[in-house]
N, C-alpha and C. Protein backbone atom coordinates (compact mmCIF):
# COMPACT_ATOMS: atom_id res chain seq x y z
N MET A 1 89.50 94.03 90.07
CA MET A 1 89.28 93.90 88.76
C MET A 1 88.23 92.65 88.81
N HIS A 2 87.28 92.25 88.28
CA HIS A 2 86.36 90.66 88.46
C HIS A 2 87.40 89.82 87.44
N SER A 3 87.29 88.41 87.97
CA SER A 3 88.13 87.59 87.30
C SER A 3 87.98 86.90 85.53
N GLY A 4 86.42 87.43 85.21
CA GLY A 4 86.45 87.21 83.97
C GLY A 4 87.17 88.39 83.10
N ARG A 5 87.03 89.61 83.95
CA ARG A 5 87.42 91.03 83.17
C ARG A 5 88.95 90.75 83.02
N ALA A 6 90.05 90.43 84.04
CA ALA A 6 90.83 90.32 84.48
C ALA A 6 91.32 89.27 83.37
N GLU A 7 91.29 88.37 83.05
CA GLU A 7 91.61 86.91 82.52
C GLU A 7 91.68 87.84 81.12
N GLU A 8 90.19 88.59 80.51
CA GLU A 8 90.38 89.01 79.44
C GLU A 8 91.08 89.98 78.62
N ALA A 9 91.72 90.82 80.06
CA ALA A 9 92.66 91.84 80.01
C ALA A 9 93.89 91.59 79.82
N GLU A 10 94.08 90.68 80.56
CA GLU A 10 95.52 89.81 80.37
C GLU A 10 95.86 89.17 78.91
N ALA A 11 94.82 88.49 78.31
CA ALA A 11 94.82 87.81 77.04
C ALA A 11 94.84 88.83 75.95
N GLU A 12 94.27 90.30 76.25
CA GLU A 12 94.35 91.41 75.42
C GLU A 12 95.51 91.93 75.58
N PHE A 13 96.06 91.96 76.54
CA PHE A 13 98.06 92.60 76.96
C PHE A 13 98.99 91.59 76.14
N ARG A 14 98.46 90.31 76.58
CA ARG A 14 99.27 89.61 76.01
C ARG A 14 99.03 89.77 74.17
N ARG A 15 98.47 89.93 73.55
CA ARG A 15 98.33 90.08 72.22
C ARG A 15 98.91 91.39 72.14
N LEU A 16 98.62 92.14 72.56
CA LEU A 16 99.55 93.74 72.19
C LEU A 16 101.31 93.78 72.41
N VAL A 17 101.55 92.99 73.74
CA VAL A 17 102.90 92.52 74.18
C VAL A 17 103.59 91.79 73.21
N GLU A 18 102.80 90.91 72.47
CA GLU A 18 103.33 89.80 71.26
C GLU A 18 103.68 91.01 70.11
N SER A 19 102.86 91.57 69.60
CA SER A 19 103.15 92.42 68.53
C SER A 19 104.14 93.94 68.98
N LYS A 20 104.19 94.30 70.32
CA LYS A 20 104.88 95.34 70.35
C LYS A 20 105.69 94.72 71.48
N SER A 21 106.69 93.96 71.27
CA SER A 21 107.36 93.37 72.48
C SER A 21 108.28 94.38 73.20
N GLU A 22 109.05 95.63 72.60
CA GLU A 22 110.00 96.49 73.65
C GLU A 22 109.09 97.51 74.16
N ASP A 23 107.74 97.61 74.19
CA ASP A 23 106.88 98.68 74.40
C ASP A 23 106.69 98.25 76.16
N ALA A 24 107.54 99.46 76.74
CA ALA A 24 107.92 99.15 78.36
C ALA A 24 106.29 99.62 78.98
N GLY A 25 105.72 100.13 78.51
CA GLY A 25 104.03 100.44 78.94
C GLY A 25 103.12 99.17 78.89
N LEU A 26 102.99 98.86 77.78
CA LEU A 26 102.36 97.54 77.63
C LEU A 26 102.75 96.28 78.39
N ARG A 27 104.05 96.19 78.95
CA ARG A 27 104.52 94.88 79.35
C ARG A 27 104.35 95.49 81.04
N LEU A 28 104.45 96.55 81.32
CA LEU A 28 104.11 96.92 82.74
C LEU A 28 102.26 97.12 82.95
N ASP A 29 102.03 97.03 82.01
CA ASP A 29 100.42 97.02 82.06
C ASP A 29 99.89 95.00 82.44
N LEU A 30 100.62 94.47 81.08
CA LEU A 30 100.44 92.96 81.59
C LEU A 30 100.82 92.38 83.11
N ALA A 31 102.00 93.25 83.70
CA ALA A 31 102.63 92.50 84.51
C ALA A 31 101.49 93.14 85.95
N HIS A 32 101.12 94.57 85.48
CA HIS A 32 99.88 94.71 86.79
C HIS A 32 99.08 93.72 86.44
N CYS A 33 98.26 93.37 85.46
CA CYS A 33 97.22 92.56 85.34
C CYS A 33 97.51 90.90 86.01
N PHE A 34 98.90 90.83 85.82
CA PHE A 34 98.89 89.36 86.56
C PHE A 34 99.14 89.82 87.91
N PHE A 35 99.67 91.01 88.35
CA PHE A 35 99.72 91.07 89.92
C PHE A 35 98.35 90.97 90.34
N GLN A 36 97.48 92.16 89.70
CA GLN A 36 95.57 91.90 90.21
C GLN A 36 95.66 90.49 90.48
N GLN A 37 95.38 89.37 89.22
CA GLN A 37 94.95 88.46 89.50
C GLN A 37 95.55 87.30 90.54
N GLY A 38 97.02 87.53 91.16
CA GLY A 38 97.91 87.30 91.95
C GLY A 38 99.13 86.11 91.54
N LYS A 39 98.96 86.26 90.10
CA LYS A 39 100.16 85.67 89.47
C LYS A 39 101.24 86.61 89.77
N TYR A 40 101.74 86.66 90.59
CA TYR A 40 102.91 86.90 91.22
C TYR A 40 104.35 86.55 90.30
N SER A 41 104.74 85.37 89.83
CA SER A 41 105.83 85.03 89.26
C SER A 41 105.42 85.50 87.63
N PRO A 42 104.97 85.34 87.35
CA PRO A 42 104.62 86.17 85.97
C PRO A 42 104.79 87.12 85.83
N ALA A 43 104.09 88.10 86.83
CA ALA A 43 104.34 89.97 87.04
C ALA A 43 105.57 90.20 87.27
N LEU A 44 106.40 89.33 88.53
CA LEU A 44 107.99 89.60 88.59
C LEU A 44 108.90 89.13 87.21
N VAL A 45 108.87 88.17 86.28
CA VAL A 45 109.71 88.16 85.37
C VAL A 45 109.49 89.15 84.78
N ILE A 46 108.19 89.68 84.10
CA ILE A 46 108.41 90.89 83.50
C ILE A 46 108.94 91.91 84.44
N VAL A 47 108.34 92.16 85.07
CA VAL A 47 109.22 93.39 86.08
C VAL A 47 110.74 93.56 86.51
N GLU A 48 111.01 92.28 86.24
CA GLU A 48 112.79 92.55 86.51
C GLU A 48 113.31 92.58 85.42
N ASP A 49 112.74 92.32 84.19
CA ASP A 49 113.36 92.74 82.99
C ASP A 49 113.10 94.08 83.27
N LEU A 50 112.43 94.38 83.21
CA LEU A 50 112.17 96.36 83.19
C LEU A 50 112.96 97.06 83.86
N VAL A 51 112.71 96.71 85.21
CA VAL A 51 114.26 97.26 86.33
C VAL A 51 115.07 97.16 85.68
N ALA A 52 115.38 96.38 84.94
CA ALA A 52 117.05 96.13 84.72
C ALA A 52 117.57 96.79 83.77
N LYS A 53 116.71 97.76 82.84
CA LYS A 53 116.82 98.42 81.62
C LYS A 53 117.05 99.92 82.25
N ARG A 54 117.59 100.92 81.22
CA ARG A 54 117.46 102.49 81.42
C ARG A 54 116.26 102.89 80.66
N ASP A 55 116.04 104.04 81.37
CA ASP A 55 114.83 104.77 81.00
C ASP A 55 113.34 103.66 81.70
N THR A 56 113.43 103.46 82.75
CA THR A 56 112.81 102.39 83.18
C THR A 56 111.46 102.89 83.90
N PRO A 57 110.33 102.78 83.39
CA PRO A 57 109.18 103.87 84.25
C PRO A 57 109.10 103.50 85.25
N ALA A 58 109.01 105.06 86.17
CA ALA A 58 109.03 104.61 87.95
C ALA A 58 108.13 104.00 88.22
N ALA A 59 106.61 103.90 87.34
CA ALA A 59 105.84 103.00 87.73
C ALA A 59 106.35 101.31 87.89
N ALA A 60 107.17 100.68 87.25
CA ALA A 60 107.57 99.43 87.33
C ALA A 60 108.48 99.31 88.66
N HIS A 61 109.30 100.68 89.15
CA HIS A 61 109.68 100.05 90.39
C HIS A 61 108.77 100.26 91.69
N LEU A 62 107.73 100.87 91.47
CA LEU A 62 106.46 100.55 92.32
C LEU A 62 105.85 99.18 92.67
N LEU A 63 105.31 98.70 91.08
CA LEU A 63 105.38 97.30 90.81
C LEU A 63 106.34 96.40 91.44
N HIS A 64 107.58 96.74 91.12
CA HIS A 64 108.57 95.95 91.78
C HIS A 64 108.48 96.10 93.37
N SER A 65 108.33 97.22 93.83
CA SER A 65 108.36 97.25 95.66
C SER A 65 107.35 96.11 96.19
N ARG A 66 105.96 96.24 94.89
CA ARG A 66 105.11 95.55 95.85
C ARG A 66 105.25 93.95 95.66
N LEU A 67 105.65 93.71 94.76
CA LEU A 67 106.44 92.37 94.43
C LEU A 67 106.92 91.73 95.65
N GLN A 68 108.21 92.84 95.75
CA GLN A 68 109.07 92.20 96.73
C GLN A 68 108.46 92.18 98.19
N ILE A 69 107.34 92.90 98.59
CA ILE A 69 106.61 92.68 99.58
C ILE A 69 105.89 90.98 99.69
N GLN A 70 105.34 90.89 98.63
CA GLN A 70 104.84 89.69 98.41
C GLN A 70 105.84 88.21 98.55
N ARG A 71 107.50 88.74 98.01
CA ARG A 71 108.53 87.70 98.18
C ARG A 71 109.21 87.47 99.74
N GLY A 72 108.50 89.15 100.71
CA GLY A 72 108.79 88.83 101.53
C GLY A 72 110.43 89.71 101.79
N ASP A 73 110.85 89.99 101.09
CA ASP A 73 111.74 90.97 100.79
C ASP A 73 111.80 92.76 101.28
N ALA A 74 111.17 92.88 102.72
CA ALA A 74 110.93 94.35 102.63
C ALA A 74 112.10 95.11 102.61
N GLU A 75 113.27 94.59 102.98
CA GLU A 75 114.33 96.03 102.67
C GLU A 75 114.34 95.91 101.17
N PHE A 76 114.26 95.43 100.19
CA PHE A 76 114.51 95.47 99.03
C PHE A 76 113.15 96.21 98.03
N ALA A 77 112.22 95.96 98.81
CA ALA A 77 110.70 96.60 98.61
C ALA A 77 111.06 97.98 99.08
N VAL A 78 111.65 98.59 100.22
CA VAL A 78 111.94 99.94 100.31
C VAL A 78 112.63 100.70 99.08
N THR A 79 113.84 99.79 98.90
CA THR A 79 114.63 100.51 97.97
C THR A 79 114.24 100.60 96.32
N GLU A 80 113.27 99.86 95.99
CA GLU A 80 112.34 100.00 94.90
C GLU A 80 111.60 101.07 94.86
N TYR A 81 110.37 100.74 96.29
CA TYR A 81 109.46 102.14 96.87
C TYR A 81 110.36 103.77 96.44
N ARG A 82 111.86 103.67 97.17
CA ARG A 82 112.25 105.14 96.81
C ARG A 82 112.74 105.22 95.51
N SER A 83 113.13 104.39 94.54
CA SER A 83 113.64 104.25 93.29
C SER A 83 112.15 105.08 92.77
N ALA A 84 111.23 104.38 92.60
CA ALA A 84 109.80 105.32 92.00
C ALA A 84 109.55 106.35 92.11
N ILE A 85 109.59 106.85 93.85
CA ILE A 85 108.77 108.10 94.13
C ILE A 85 109.96 109.32 93.38
N SER A 86 111.07 108.71 94.09
CA SER A 86 111.82 109.73 93.46
C SER A 86 112.45 110.19 91.70
N ALA A 87 111.84 109.17 91.23
CA ALA A 87 111.74 109.45 89.61
C ALA A 87 110.40 110.19 89.35
N ASP A 88 109.75 109.92 90.09
CA ASP A 88 107.99 110.22 89.63
C ASP A 88 107.03 110.71 91.26
N PRO A 89 107.38 111.71 92.47
CA PRO A 89 106.90 112.05 93.31
C PRO A 89 105.27 111.57 93.47
N SER A 90 104.16 111.65 91.96
CA SER A 90 102.66 111.34 92.21
C SER A 90 102.53 110.06 92.56
N LEU A 91 103.83 108.90 92.72
CA LEU A 91 103.44 107.76 92.49
C LEU A 91 103.70 107.48 94.30
N LYS A 92 103.87 108.71 95.16
CA LYS A 92 103.89 108.39 96.62
C LYS A 92 102.63 107.55 96.62
N ASP A 93 102.62 106.65 97.91
CA ASP A 93 101.45 105.46 98.18
C ASP A 93 101.64 105.63 100.12
N PRO A 94 100.95 106.37 100.71
CA PRO A 94 100.97 106.13 102.14
C PRO A 94 100.95 104.64 103.02
N GLU A 95 99.58 104.51 102.03
CA GLU A 95 99.37 103.19 102.85
C GLU A 95 100.51 102.16 102.70
N LEU A 96 101.27 101.80 101.36
CA LEU A 96 101.97 101.48 101.31
C LEU A 96 103.50 101.76 101.91
N GLU A 97 103.60 103.30 102.16
CA GLU A 97 104.70 103.27 103.13
C GLU A 97 104.70 102.65 104.32
N ALA A 98 103.50 102.99 104.60
CA ALA A 98 102.92 102.22 106.35
C ALA A 98 103.66 100.83 106.35
N ARG A 99 103.27 100.08 105.20
CA ARG A 99 103.49 98.49 105.28
C ARG A 99 105.05 98.64 105.16
N LEU A 100 105.74 99.43 104.44
CA LEU A 100 107.05 99.37 104.81
C LEU A 100 107.82 99.79 105.83
N GLY A 101 107.23 100.36 106.61
CA GLY A 101 107.72 101.79 107.66
C GLY A 101 108.34 102.70 107.14
N ILE A 102 108.06 103.16 106.37
CA ILE A 102 108.68 104.39 106.05
C ILE A 102 108.20 105.67 106.46
N GLY A 103 108.91 106.46 107.01
CA GLY A 103 108.38 107.91 107.31
C GLY A 103 107.30 107.32 108.98
N SER A 104 107.85 106.36 109.45
CA SER A 104 106.74 106.37 110.48
C SER A 104 107.24 106.46 112.11
N GLU A 105 106.65 106.71 112.77
CA GLU A 105 107.01 107.03 113.70
C GLU A 105 108.12 106.23 114.60
N ALA A 106 108.84 106.41 115.15
CA ALA A 106 110.06 105.87 116.54
C ALA A 106 109.09 104.47 116.98
N SER A 107 108.10 104.56 117.65
CA SER A 107 107.54 103.54 118.07
C SER A 107 107.15 102.48 116.93
N SER A 108 106.95 102.43 115.90
CA SER A 108 106.64 101.52 115.07
C SER A 108 107.71 100.48 115.04
N SER A 109 107.36 99.08 114.94
CA SER A 109 107.97 97.92 114.94
C SER A 109 108.90 97.47 114.01
N VAL A 110 108.39 98.81 112.86
CA VAL A 110 109.29 98.30 111.52
C VAL A 110 109.55 99.60 111.03
N SER A 111 110.89 99.71 110.59
CA SER A 111 111.66 101.08 109.87
C SER A 111 112.49 100.54 109.12
N ASP A 112 112.29 101.27 107.63
CA ASP A 112 112.79 101.02 106.60
C ASP A 112 112.75 99.44 105.87
N GLY A 113 111.95 99.18 106.22
CA GLY A 113 112.03 97.57 105.97
C GLY A 113 112.28 96.27 106.99
N ARG A 114 112.90 97.06 108.01
CA ARG A 114 113.80 96.35 109.04
C ARG A 114 112.98 96.14 110.38
N ILE A 115 112.79 95.15 110.83
CA ILE A 115 111.75 95.22 112.23
C ILE A 115 112.97 95.61 113.21
N ARG A 116 112.32 96.45 113.99
CA ARG A 116 113.03 96.82 115.02
C ARG A 116 113.19 96.32 116.39
N GLU A 117 114.12 96.25 117.19
CA GLU A 117 114.75 95.27 117.82
C GLU A 117 114.47 95.92 119.19
């Protein structure tokens, strides 16, 4: 997303969220917009609120996993990734799995978010 377009999208999602504050989909879209701009803190605030509730969209757990990677918490990122794909297998992301060390070969230095010794 180009910088100008991302800012426009952010402004639009903010307006929509203000009018429909309980709409999880809109809030998740705003969090994605923040994430794509590198605004991880505001994205995390939104996503943590979403994942604390029942009937959380699986995509919220996936974004939470990505945000945990940014924070350096690979182990929690693995937990959130597994929650996401358990709820919606279509969210499976081989590239993210590789970053998290999920399903990697025994020779990998990372396994399930932990560095092998």
